[in-house]
Amino acid sequence: VTPAQGVSFQSRSTTGGNSRSVTTPGIVAPVWLKLVRSGNAFLG
């Protein structure tokens, strides 16, 4: 969660590679967050 940009899911799929980001605007703290791993699959 960010102060002014919303909630963002981010990842870096290779060591030293570029990051990827998908943001949902308009959400600020307080907020619950959850991150799930199943093998190489991740969900925020």
PDB file of all heavy atoms in Angstrom:
ATOM      1  N   VAL A   1       0.868  -1.167   0.000  1.00  0.00           N
ATOM      2  CA  VAL A   1       0.000   0.000   0.000  1.00  0.00           C
ATOM      3  C   VAL A   1       0.914   1.228   0.000  1.00  0.00           C
ATOM      4  O   VAL A   1       2.004   1.201   0.592  1.00  0.00           O
ATOM      5  CB  VAL A   1      -0.975   0.014   1.201  1.00  0.00           C
ATOM      6  CG1 VAL A   1      -0.249   0.139   2.538  1.00  0.00           C
ATOM      7  CG2 VAL A   1      -2.016   1.124   1.039  1.00  0.00           C
ATOM      8  N   THR A   2       0.496   2.273  -0.698  1.00  0.00           N
ATOM      9  CA  THR A   2       1.242   3.519  -0.777  1.00  0.00           C
ATOM     10  C   THR A   2       0.411   4.634  -0.134  1.00  0.00           C
ATOM     11  O   THR A   2      -0.804   4.475   0.033  1.00  0.00           O
ATOM     12  CB  THR A   2       1.526   3.887  -2.248  1.00  0.00           C
ATOM     13  OG1 THR A   2       0.289   4.223  -2.881  1.00  0.00           O
ATOM     14  CG2 THR A   2       2.195   2.734  -3.001  1.00  0.00           C
ATOM     15  N   PRO A   3       1.027   5.778   0.190  1.00  0.00           N
ATOM     16  CA  PRO A   3       0.245   6.873   0.768  1.00  0.00           C
ATOM     17  C   PRO A   3      -0.718   7.532  -0.215  1.00  0.00           C
ATOM     18  O   PRO A   3      -1.755   8.044   0.192  1.00  0.00           O
ATOM     19  CB  PRO A   3       1.303   7.879   1.216  1.00  0.00           C
ATOM     20  CG  PRO A   3       2.588   7.162   1.216  1.00  0.00           C
ATOM     21  CD  PRO A   3       2.463   6.051   0.228  1.00  0.00           C
ATOM     22  N   ALA A   4      -0.384   7.527  -1.520  1.00  0.00           N
ATOM     23  CA  ALA A   4      -1.196   8.304  -2.458  1.00  0.00           C
ATOM     24  C   ALA A   4      -1.418   7.639  -3.815  1.00  0.00           C
ATOM     25  O   ALA A   4      -2.145   8.184  -4.645  1.00  0.00           O
ATOM     26  CB  ALA A   4      -0.546   9.674  -2.682  1.00  0.00           C
ATOM     27  N   GLN A   5      -0.823   6.452  -4.063  1.00  0.00           N
ATOM     28  CA  GLN A   5      -0.948   5.825  -5.375  1.00  0.00           C
ATOM     29  C   GLN A   5      -1.836   4.578  -5.379  1.00  0.00           C
ATOM     30  O   GLN A   5      -2.114   4.029  -6.437  1.00  0.00           O
ATOM     31  CB  GLN A   5       0.440   5.454  -5.923  1.00  0.00           C
ATOM     32  CG  GLN A   5       1.352   6.643  -6.138  1.00  0.00           C
ATOM     33  CD  GLN A   5       0.829   7.612  -7.183  1.00  0.00           C
ATOM     34  OE1 GLN A   5       0.195   7.224  -8.155  1.00  0.00           O
ATOM     35  NE2 GLN A   5       1.088   8.898  -6.978  1.00  0.00           N
ATOM     36  N   GLY A   6      -2.246   4.108  -4.203  1.00  0.00           N
ATOM     37  CA  GLY A   6      -3.109   2.936  -4.129  1.00  0.00           C
ATOM     38  C   GLY A   6      -2.364   1.698  -3.662  1.00  0.00           C
ATOM     39  O   GLY A   6      -1.332   1.787  -2.985  1.00  0.00           O
ATOM     40  N   VAL A   7      -2.897   0.520  -4.025  1.00  0.00           N
ATOM     41  CA  VAL A   7      -2.302  -0.768  -3.686  1.00  0.00           C
ATOM     42  C   VAL A   7      -1.651  -1.323  -4.950  1.00  0.00           C
ATOM     43  O   VAL A   7      -2.251  -1.311  -6.027  1.00  0.00           O
ATOM     44  CB  VAL A   7      -3.359  -1.753  -3.144  1.00  0.00           C
ATOM     45  CG1 VAL A   7      -2.788  -3.158  -3.003  1.00  0.00           C
ATOM     46  CG2 VAL A   7      -3.876  -1.270  -1.794  1.00  0.00           C
ATOM     47  N   SER A   8      -0.425  -1.821  -4.799  1.00  0.00           N
ATOM     48  CA  SER A   8       0.363  -2.246  -5.950  1.00  0.00           C
ATOM     49  C   SER A   8       0.892  -3.659  -5.753  1.00  0.00           C
ATOM     50  O   SER A   8       1.418  -3.978  -4.680  1.00  0.00           O
ATOM     51  CB  SER A   8       1.532  -1.270  -6.136  1.00  0.00           C
ATOM     52  OG  SER A   8       2.236  -1.530  -7.317  1.00  0.00           O
ATOM     53  N   PHE A   9       0.745  -4.496  -6.785  1.00  0.00           N
ATOM     54  CA  PHE A   9       1.399  -5.804  -6.817  1.00  0.00           C
ATOM     55  C   PHE A   9       2.632  -5.662  -7.685  1.00  0.00           C
ATOM     56  O   PHE A   9       2.551  -5.184  -8.809  1.00  0.00           O
ATOM     57  CB  PHE A   9       0.486  -6.886  -7.395  1.00  0.00           C
ATOM     58  CG  PHE A   9       1.151  -8.240  -7.429  1.00  0.00           C
ATOM     59  CD1 PHE A   9       1.059  -9.091  -6.341  1.00  0.00           C
ATOM     60  CD2 PHE A   9       1.903  -8.648  -8.525  1.00  0.00           C
ATOM     61  CE1 PHE A   9       1.692 -10.327  -6.348  1.00  0.00           C
ATOM     62  CE2 PHE A   9       2.532  -9.879  -8.542  1.00  0.00           C
ATOM     63  CZ  PHE A   9       2.430 -10.719  -7.450  1.00  0.00           C
ATOM     64  N   GLN A  10       3.792  -6.062  -7.148  1.00  0.00           N
ATOM     65  CA  GLN A  10       5.046  -5.925  -7.880  1.00  0.00           C
ATOM     66  C   GLN A  10       5.809  -7.232  -7.879  1.00  0.00           C
ATOM     67  O   GLN A  10       5.689  -8.027  -6.948  1.00  0.00           O
ATOM     68  CB  GLN A  10       5.918  -4.843  -7.241  1.00  0.00           C
ATOM     69  CG  GLN A  10       5.357  -3.470  -7.385  1.00  0.00           C
ATOM     70  CD  GLN A  10       6.289  -2.409  -6.855  1.00  0.00           C
ATOM     71  OE1 GLN A  10       5.858  -1.333  -6.575  1.00  0.00           O
ATOM     72  NE2 GLN A  10       7.554  -2.716  -6.719  1.00  0.00           N
ATOM     73  N   SER A  11       6.614  -7.427  -8.930  1.00  0.00           N
ATOM     74  CA  SER A  11       7.436  -8.627  -8.981  1.00  0.00           C
ATOM     75  C   SER A  11       8.668  -8.373  -9.843  1.00  0.00           C
ATOM     76  O   SER A  11       8.683  -7.475 -10.686  1.00  0.00           O
ATOM     77  CB  SER A  11       6.643  -9.799  -9.561  1.00  0.00           C
ATOM     78  OG  SER A  11       6.222  -9.514 -10.875  1.00  0.00           O
ATOM     79  N   ARG A  12       9.704  -9.175  -9.580  1.00  0.00           N
ATOM     80  CA  ARG A  12      10.897  -9.232 -10.438  1.00  0.00           C
ATOM     81  C   ARG A  12      11.099 -10.707 -10.742  1.00  0.00           C
ATOM     82  O   ARG A  12      11.379 -11.496  -9.834  1.00  0.00           O
ATOM     83  CB  ARG A  12      12.114  -8.643  -9.733  1.00  0.00           C
ATOM     84  CG  ARG A  12      13.384  -8.691 -10.600  1.00  0.00           C
ATOM     85  CD  ARG A  12      14.618  -8.100  -9.913  1.00  0.00           C
ATOM     86  NE  ARG A  12      14.421  -6.684  -9.635  1.00  0.00           N
ATOM     87  CZ  ARG A  12      14.400  -6.159  -8.400  1.00  0.00           C
ATOM     88  NH1 ARG A  12      14.575  -6.928  -7.336  1.00  0.00           N
ATOM     89  NH2 ARG A  12      14.208  -4.870  -8.229  1.00  0.00           N
ATOM     90  N   SER A  13      10.940 -11.093 -12.004  1.00  0.00           N
ATOM     91  CA  SER A  13      10.929 -12.515 -12.352  1.00  0.00           C
ATOM     92  C   SER A  13      12.310 -13.093 -12.632  1.00  0.00           C
ATOM     93  O   SER A  13      12.463 -14.305 -12.654  1.00  0.00           O
ATOM     94  CB  SER A  13      10.000 -12.769 -13.531  1.00  0.00           C
ATOM     95  OG  SER A  13      10.436 -12.033 -14.649  1.00  0.00           O
ATOM     96  N   THR A  14      13.314 -12.237 -12.840  1.00  0.00           N
ATOM     97  CA  THR A  14      14.685 -12.715 -13.033  1.00  0.00           C
ATOM     98  C   THR A  14      15.625 -11.903 -12.161  1.00  0.00           C
ATOM     99  O   THR A  14      15.402 -10.697 -11.956  1.00  0.00           O
ATOM    100  CB  THR A  14      15.132 -12.605 -14.509  1.00  0.00           C
ATOM    101  OG1 THR A  14      15.065 -11.233 -14.910  1.00  0.00           O
ATOM    102  CG2 THR A  14      14.278 -13.452 -15.420  1.00  0.00           C
ATOM    103  N   THR A  15      16.674 -12.523 -11.671  1.00  0.00           N
ATOM    104  CA  THR A  15      17.654 -11.819 -10.850  1.00  0.00           C
ATOM    105  C   THR A  15      18.253 -10.677 -11.663  1.00  0.00           C
ATOM    106  O   THR A  15      18.754 -10.882 -12.767  1.00  0.00           O
ATOM    107  CB  THR A  15      18.764 -12.784 -10.390  1.00  0.00           C
ATOM    108  OG1 THR A  15      18.148 -13.856  -9.669  1.00  0.00           O
ATOM    109  CG2 THR A  15      19.775 -12.080  -9.513  1.00  0.00           C
ATOM    110  N   GLY A  16      18.151  -9.454 -11.123  1.00  0.00           N
ATOM    111  CA  GLY A  16      18.674  -8.284 -11.802  1.00  0.00           C
ATOM    112  C   GLY A  16      17.823  -7.776 -12.947  1.00  0.00           C
ATOM    113  O   GLY A  16      18.183  -6.813 -13.623  1.00  0.00           O
ATOM    114  N   GLY A  17      16.669  -8.418 -13.167  1.00  0.00           N
ATOM    115  CA  GLY A  17      15.775  -7.991 -14.242  1.00  0.00           C
ATOM    116  C   GLY A  17      14.920  -6.806 -13.830  1.00  0.00           C
ATOM    117  O   GLY A  17      14.943  -6.360 -12.677  1.00  0.00           O
ATOM    118  N   ASN A  18      14.151  -6.302 -14.785  1.00  0.00           N
ATOM    119  CA  ASN A  18      13.253  -5.190 -14.493  1.00  0.00           C
ATOM    120  C   ASN A  18      12.048  -5.662 -13.689  1.00  0.00           C
ATOM    121  O   ASN A  18      11.622  -6.805 -13.806  1.00  0.00           O
ATOM    122  CB  ASN A  18      12.774  -4.530 -15.794  1.00  0.00           C
ATOM    123  CG  ASN A  18      13.813  -3.581 -16.341  1.00  0.00           C
ATOM    124  OD1 ASN A  18      14.352  -2.760 -15.609  1.00  0.00           O
ATOM    125  ND2 ASN A  18      14.100  -3.695 -17.623  1.00  0.00           N
ATOM    126  N   SER A  19      11.517  -4.763 -12.899  1.00  0.00           N
ATOM    127  CA  SER A  19      10.333  -5.047 -12.097  1.00  0.00           C
ATOM    128  C   SER A  19       9.070  -4.818 -12.914  1.00  0.00           C
ATOM    129  O   SER A  19       9.065  -4.055 -13.878  1.00  0.00           O
ATOM    130  CB  SER A  19      10.312  -4.149 -10.865  1.00  0.00           C
ATOM    131  OG  SER A  19      11.425  -4.392 -10.052  1.00  0.00           O
ATOM    132  N   ARG A  20       8.017  -5.478 -12.481  1.00  0.00           N
ATOM    133  CA  ARG A  20       6.685  -5.332 -13.071  1.00  0.00           C
ATOM    134  C   ARG A  20       5.751  -4.865 -11.962  1.00  0.00           C
ATOM    135  O   ARG A  20       5.896  -5.266 -10.808  1.00  0.00           O
ATOM    136  CB  ARG A  20       6.245  -6.706 -13.599  1.00  0.00           C
ATOM    137  CG  ARG A  20       4.809  -6.806 -14.027  1.00  0.00           C
ATOM    138  CD  ARG A  20       4.462  -8.278 -14.357  1.00  0.00           C
ATOM    139  NE  ARG A  20       3.051  -8.429 -14.640  1.00  0.00           N
ATOM    140  CZ  ARG A  20       2.114  -8.661 -13.729  1.00  0.00           C
ATOM    141  NH1 ARG A  20       2.434  -8.768 -12.459  1.00  0.00           N
ATOM    142  NH2 ARG A  20       0.843  -8.790 -14.080  1.00  0.00           N
ATOM    143  N   SER A  21       4.793  -3.998 -12.312  1.00  0.00           N
ATOM    144  CA  SER A  21       3.887  -3.459 -11.306  1.00  0.00           C
ATOM    145  C   SER A  21       2.488  -3.305 -11.875  1.00  0.00           C
ATOM    146  O   SER A  21       2.326  -2.883 -13.020  1.00  0.00           O
ATOM    147  CB  SER A  21       4.400  -2.092 -10.835  1.00  0.00           C
ATOM    148  OG  SER A  21       3.524  -1.526  -9.894  1.00  0.00           O
ATOM    149  N   VAL A  22       1.485  -3.674 -11.082  1.00  0.00           N
ATOM    150  CA  VAL A  22       0.082  -3.433 -11.409  1.00  0.00           C
ATOM    151  C   VAL A  22      -0.537  -2.765 -10.186  1.00  0.00           C
ATOM    152  O   VAL A  22      -0.490  -3.313  -9.081  1.00  0.00           O
ATOM    153  CB  VAL A  22      -0.666  -4.739 -11.743  1.00  0.00           C
ATOM    154  CG1 VAL A  22      -2.124  -4.443 -12.061  1.00  0.00           C
ATOM    155  CG2 VAL A  22       0.003  -5.464 -12.899  1.00  0.00           C
ATOM    156  N   THR A  23      -1.112  -1.569 -10.384  1.00  0.00           N
ATOM    157  CA  THR A  23      -1.591  -0.768  -9.258  1.00  0.00           C
ATOM    158  C   THR A  23      -3.088  -0.520  -9.356  1.00  0.00           C
ATOM    159  O   THR A  23      -3.604  -0.235 -10.435  1.00  0.00           O
ATOM    160  CB  THR A  23      -0.835   0.573  -9.204  1.00  0.00           C
ATOM    161  OG1 THR A  23       0.563   0.292  -9.066  1.00  0.00           O
ATOM    162  CG2 THR A  23      -1.286   1.422  -8.031  1.00  0.00           C
ATOM    163  N   THR A  24      -3.765  -0.636  -8.217  1.00  0.00           N
ATOM    164  CA  THR A  24      -5.167  -0.268  -8.085  1.00  0.00           C
ATOM    165  C   THR A  24      -5.210   1.055  -7.327  1.00  0.00           C
ATOM    166  O   THR A  24      -4.872   1.094  -6.133  1.00  0.00           O
ATOM    167  CB  THR A  24      -5.949  -1.346  -7.307  1.00  0.00           C
ATOM    168  OG1 THR A  24      -5.778  -2.609  -7.951  1.00  0.00           O
ATOM    169  CG2 THR A  24      -7.425  -0.996  -7.230  1.00  0.00           C
ATOM    170  N   PRO A  25      -5.584   2.162  -7.991  1.00  0.00           N
ATOM    171  CA  PRO A  25      -5.559   3.466  -7.331  1.00  0.00           C
ATOM    172  C   PRO A  25      -6.691   3.641  -6.333  1.00  0.00           C
ATOM    173  O   PRO A  25      -7.659   2.870  -6.318  1.00  0.00           O
ATOM    174  CB  PRO A  25      -5.693   4.450  -8.496  1.00  0.00           C
ATOM    175  CG  PRO A  25      -6.405   3.688  -9.564  1.00  0.00           C
ATOM    176  CD  PRO A  25      -6.002   2.252  -9.397  1.00  0.00           C
ATOM    177  N   GLY A  26      -6.562   4.677  -5.500  1.00  0.00           N
ATOM    178  CA  GLY A  26      -7.650   5.088  -4.623  1.00  0.00           C
ATOM    179  C   GLY A  26      -7.768   4.341  -3.315  1.00  0.00           C
ATOM    180  O   GLY A  26      -8.740   4.531  -2.585  1.00  0.00           O
ATOM    181  N   ILE A  27      -6.798   3.495  -2.985  1.00  0.00           N
ATOM    182  CA  ILE A  27      -6.854   2.730  -1.733  1.00  0.00           C
ATOM    183  C   ILE A  27      -5.699   3.186  -0.846  1.00  0.00           C
ATOM    184  O   ILE A  27      -4.562   3.276  -1.300  1.00  0.00           O
ATOM    185  CB  ILE A  27      -6.759   1.222  -2.001  1.00  0.00           C
ATOM    186  CG1 ILE A  27      -7.921   0.788  -2.899  1.00  0.00           C
ATOM    187  CG2 ILE A  27      -6.760   0.439  -0.702  1.00  0.00           C
ATOM    188  CD1 ILE A  27      -7.710  -0.524  -3.575  1.00  0.00           C
ATOM    189  N   VAL A  28      -5.997   3.482   0.408  1.00  0.00           N
ATOM    190  CA  VAL A  28      -4.977   3.905   1.364  1.00  0.00           C
ATOM    191  C   VAL A  28      -5.109   3.081   2.641  1.00  0.00           C
ATOM    192  O   VAL A  28      -6.117   2.418   2.866  1.00  0.00           O
ATOM    193  CB  VAL A  28      -5.100   5.416   1.699  1.00  0.00           C
ATOM    194  CG1 VAL A  28      -4.844   6.274   0.461  1.00  0.00           C
ATOM    195  CG2 VAL A  28      -6.466   5.738   2.286  1.00  0.00           C
ATOM    196  N   ALA A  29      -4.070   3.130   3.470  1.00  0.00           N
ATOM    197  CA  ALA A  29      -4.132   2.474   4.772  1.00  0.00           C
ATOM    198  C   ALA A  29      -5.144   3.217   5.648  1.00  0.00           C
ATOM    199  O   ALA A  29      -5.311   4.434   5.492  1.00  0.00           O
ATOM    200  CB  ALA A  29      -2.756   2.472   5.418  1.00  0.00           C
ATOM    201  N   PRO A  30      -5.836   2.493   6.546  1.00  0.00           N
ATOM    202  CA  PRO A  30      -5.648   1.072   6.850  1.00  0.00           C
ATOM    203  C   PRO A  30      -6.287   0.167   5.801  1.00  0.00           C
ATOM    204  O   PRO A  30      -7.369   0.453   5.302  1.00  0.00           O
ATOM    205  CB  PRO A  30      -6.333   0.913   8.204  1.00  0.00           C
ATOM    206  CG  PRO A  30      -7.365   2.000   8.235  1.00  0.00           C
ATOM    207  CD  PRO A  30      -6.793   3.141   7.449  1.00  0.00           C
ATOM    208  N   VAL A  31      -5.556  -0.937   5.499  1.00  0.00           N
ATOM    209  CA  VAL A  31      -6.037  -1.932   4.544  1.00  0.00           C
ATOM    210  C   VAL A  31      -5.352  -3.260   4.864  1.00  0.00           C
ATOM    211  O   VAL A  31      -4.200  -3.281   5.299  1.00  0.00           O
ATOM    212  CB  VAL A  31      -5.756  -1.494   3.086  1.00  0.00           C
ATOM    213  CG1 VAL A  31      -4.266  -1.375   2.813  1.00  0.00           C
ATOM    214  CG2 VAL A  31      -6.414  -2.424   2.078  1.00  0.00           C
ATOM    215  N   TRP A  32      -6.068  -4.351   4.677  1.00  0.00           N
ATOM    216  CA  TRP A  32      -5.481  -5.681   4.819  1.00  0.00           C
ATOM    217  C   TRP A  32      -4.822  -6.070   3.510  1.00  0.00           C
ATOM    218  O   TRP A  32      -5.357  -5.793   2.424  1.00  0.00           O
ATOM    219  CB  TRP A  32      -6.568  -6.707   5.148  1.00  0.00           C
ATOM    220  CG  TRP A  32      -7.091  -6.628   6.546  1.00  0.00           C
ATOM    221  CD1 TRP A  32      -8.082  -5.810   7.007  1.00  0.00           C
ATOM    222  CD2 TRP A  32      -6.656  -7.395   7.665  1.00  0.00           C
ATOM    223  NE1 TRP A  32      -8.290  -6.020   8.348  1.00  0.00           N
ATOM    224  CE2 TRP A  32      -7.425  -6.995   8.780  1.00  0.00           C
ATOM    225  CE3 TRP A  32      -5.693  -8.386   7.838  1.00  0.00           C
ATOM    226  CZ2 TRP A  32      -7.267  -7.546  10.043  1.00  0.00           C
ATOM    227  CZ3 TRP A  32      -5.525  -8.948   9.092  1.00  0.00           C
ATOM    228  CH2 TRP A  32      -6.299  -8.530  10.177  1.00  0.00           C
ATOM    229  N   LEU A  33      -3.671  -6.736   3.595  1.00  0.00           N
ATOM    230  CA  LEU A  33      -2.973  -7.264   2.431  1.00  0.00           C
ATOM    231  C   LEU A  33      -2.705  -8.745   2.637  1.00  0.00           C
ATOM    232  O   LEU A  33      -2.466  -9.182   3.767  1.00  0.00           O
ATOM    233  CB  LEU A  33      -1.638  -6.540   2.216  1.00  0.00           C
ATOM    234  CG  LEU A  33      -1.693  -5.030   1.983  1.00  0.00           C
ATOM    235  CD1 LEU A  33      -0.281  -4.473   1.890  1.00  0.00           C
ATOM    236  CD2 LEU A  33      -2.500  -4.690   0.738  1.00  0.00           C
ATOM    237  N   LYS A  34      -2.734  -9.506   1.541  1.00  0.00           N
ATOM    238  CA  LYS A  34      -2.415 -10.930   1.584  1.00  0.00           C
ATOM    239  C   LYS A  34      -1.589 -11.271   0.357  1.00  0.00           C
ATOM    240  O   LYS A  34      -1.868 -10.787  -0.740  1.00  0.00           O
ATOM    241  CB  LYS A  34      -3.695 -11.774   1.623  1.00  0.00           C
ATOM    242  CG  LYS A  34      -3.444 -13.279   1.584  1.00  0.00           C
ATOM    243  CD  LYS A  34      -4.672 -14.106   1.971  1.00  0.00           C
ATOM    244  CE  LYS A  34      -5.854 -13.928   1.070  1.00  0.00           C
ATOM    245  NZ  LYS A  34      -6.945 -14.896   1.390  1.00  0.00           N
ATOM    246  N   LEU A  35      -0.575 -12.123   0.546  1.00  0.00           N
ATOM    247  CA  LEU A  35       0.276 -12.580  -0.549  1.00  0.00           C
ATOM    248  C   LEU A  35       0.366 -14.095  -0.455  1.00  0.00           C
ATOM    249  O   LEU A  35       0.719 -14.639   0.593  1.00  0.00           O
ATOM    250  CB  LEU A  35       1.662 -11.935  -0.427  1.00  0.00           C
ATOM    251  CG  LEU A  35       2.644 -12.161  -1.560  1.00  0.00           C
ATOM    252  CD1 LEU A  35       2.106 -11.651  -2.889  1.00  0.00           C
ATOM    253  CD2 LEU A  35       3.975 -11.470  -1.237  1.00  0.00           C
ATOM    254  N   VAL A  36       0.028 -14.774  -1.552  1.00  0.00           N
ATOM    255  CA  VAL A  36      -0.062 -16.235  -1.582  1.00  0.00           C
ATOM    256  C   VAL A  36       0.955 -16.784  -2.573  1.00  0.00           C
ATOM    257  O   VAL A  36       1.084 -16.271  -3.686  1.00  0.00           O
ATOM    258  CB  VAL A  36      -1.490 -16.688  -1.988  1.00  0.00           C
ATOM    259  CG1 VAL A  36      -1.573 -18.205  -2.047  1.00  0.00           C
ATOM    260  CG2 VAL A  36      -2.525 -16.117  -1.027  1.00  0.00           C
ATOM    261  N   ARG A  37       1.655 -17.852  -2.145  1.00  0.00           N
ATOM    262  CA  ARG A  37       2.586 -18.556  -3.033  1.00  0.00           C
ATOM    263  C   ARG A  37       2.130 -19.997  -3.214  1.00  0.00           C
ATOM    264  O   ARG A  37       1.868 -20.708  -2.240  1.00  0.00           O
ATOM    265  CB  ARG A  37       3.997 -18.552  -2.456  1.00  0.00           C
ATOM    266  CG  ARG A  37       4.963 -19.332  -3.348  1.00  0.00           C
ATOM    267  CD  ARG A  37       6.378 -19.380  -2.850  1.00  0.00           C
ATOM    268  NE  ARG A  37       7.218 -19.990  -3.894  1.00  0.00           N
ATOM    269  CZ  ARG A  37       8.518 -20.149  -3.814  1.00  0.00           C
ATOM    270  NH1 ARG A  37       9.172 -19.736  -2.744  1.00  0.00           N
ATOM    271  NH2 ARG A  37       9.182 -20.714  -4.800  1.00  0.00           N
ATOM    272  N   SER A  38       2.086 -20.442  -4.474  1.00  0.00           N
ATOM    273  CA  SER A  38       1.845 -21.842  -4.803  1.00  0.00           C
ATOM    274  C   SER A  38       2.837 -22.204  -5.897  1.00  0.00           C
ATOM    275  O   SER A  38       2.642 -21.862  -7.068  1.00  0.00           O
ATOM    276  CB  SER A  38       0.403 -22.042  -5.282  1.00  0.00           C
ATOM    277  OG  SER A  38       0.211 -23.390  -5.642  1.00  0.00           O
ATOM    278  N   GLY A  39       3.939 -22.846  -5.510  1.00  0.00           N
ATOM    279  CA  GLY A  39       5.006 -23.125  -6.466  1.00  0.00           C
ATOM    280  C   GLY A  39       5.628 -21.830  -6.950  1.00  0.00           C
ATOM    281  O   GLY A  39       6.093 -21.019  -6.158  1.00  0.00           O
ATOM    282  N   ASN A  40       5.596 -21.612  -8.266  1.00  0.00           N
ATOM    283  CA  ASN A  40       6.102 -20.371  -8.842  1.00  0.00           C
ATOM    284  C   ASN A  40       4.992 -19.371  -9.143  1.00  0.00           C
ATOM    285  O   ASN A  40       5.224 -18.358  -9.805  1.00  0.00           O
ATOM    286  CB  ASN A  40       6.892 -20.659 -10.124  1.00  0.00           C
ATOM    287  CG  ASN A  40       8.185 -21.383  -9.830  1.00  0.00           C
ATOM    288  OD1 ASN A  40       8.810 -21.160  -8.796  1.00  0.00           O
ATOM    289  ND2 ASN A  40       8.592 -22.262 -10.724  1.00  0.00           N
ATOM    290  N   ALA A  41       3.780 -19.641  -8.663  1.00  0.00           N
ATOM    291  CA  ALA A  41       2.637 -18.756  -8.873  1.00  0.00           C
ATOM    292  C   ALA A  41       2.394 -17.910  -7.627  1.00  0.00           C
ATOM    293  O   ALA A  41       2.366 -18.429  -6.515  1.00  0.00           O
ATOM    294  CB  ALA A  41       1.397 -19.581  -9.199  1.00  0.00           C
ATOM    295  N   PHE A  42       2.218 -16.600  -7.829  1.00  0.00           N
ATOM    296  CA  PHE A  42       2.008 -15.663  -6.731  1.00  0.00           C
ATOM    297  C   PHE A  42       0.758 -14.836  -7.003  1.00  0.00           C
ATOM    298  O   PHE A  42       0.512 -14.415  -8.137  1.00  0.00           O
ATOM    299  CB  PHE A  42       3.219 -14.730  -6.580  1.00  0.00           C
ATOM    300  CG  PHE A  42       4.465 -15.446  -6.159  1.00  0.00           C
ATOM    301  CD1 PHE A  42       5.299 -16.030  -7.103  1.00  0.00           C
ATOM    302  CD2 PHE A  42       4.802 -15.567  -4.819  1.00  0.00           C
ATOM    303  CE1 PHE A  42       6.446 -16.707  -6.720  1.00  0.00           C
ATOM    304  CE2 PHE A  42       5.946 -16.246  -4.428  1.00  0.00           C
ATOM    305  CZ  PHE A  42       6.768 -16.810  -5.384  1.00  0.00           C
ATOM    306  N   LEU A  43      -0.015 -14.623  -5.941  1.00  0.00           N
ATOM    307  CA  LEU A  43      -1.233 -13.816  -6.021  1.00  0.00           C
ATOM    308  C   LEU A  43      -1.240 -12.811  -4.875  1.00  0.00           C
ATOM    309  O   LEU A  43      -0.951 -13.165  -3.725  1.00  0.00           O
ATOM    310  CB  LEU A  43      -2.476 -14.700  -5.906  1.00  0.00           C
ATOM    311  CG  LEU A  43      -2.827 -15.561  -7.105  1.00  0.00           C
ATOM    312  CD1 LEU A  43      -3.816 -16.648  -6.705  1.00  0.00           C
ATOM    313  CD2 LEU A  43      -3.414 -14.686  -8.202  1.00  0.00           C
ATOM    314  N   GLY A  44      -1.585 -11.558  -5.183  1.00  0.00           N
ATOM    315  CA  GLY A  44      -1.738 -10.527  -4.168  1.00  0.00           C
ATOM    316  C   GLY A  44      -3.204 -10.175  -3.997  1.00  0.00           C
ATOM    317  O   GLY A  44      -3.984 -10.242  -4.955  1.00  0.00           O
TER     318      GLY A  44
END
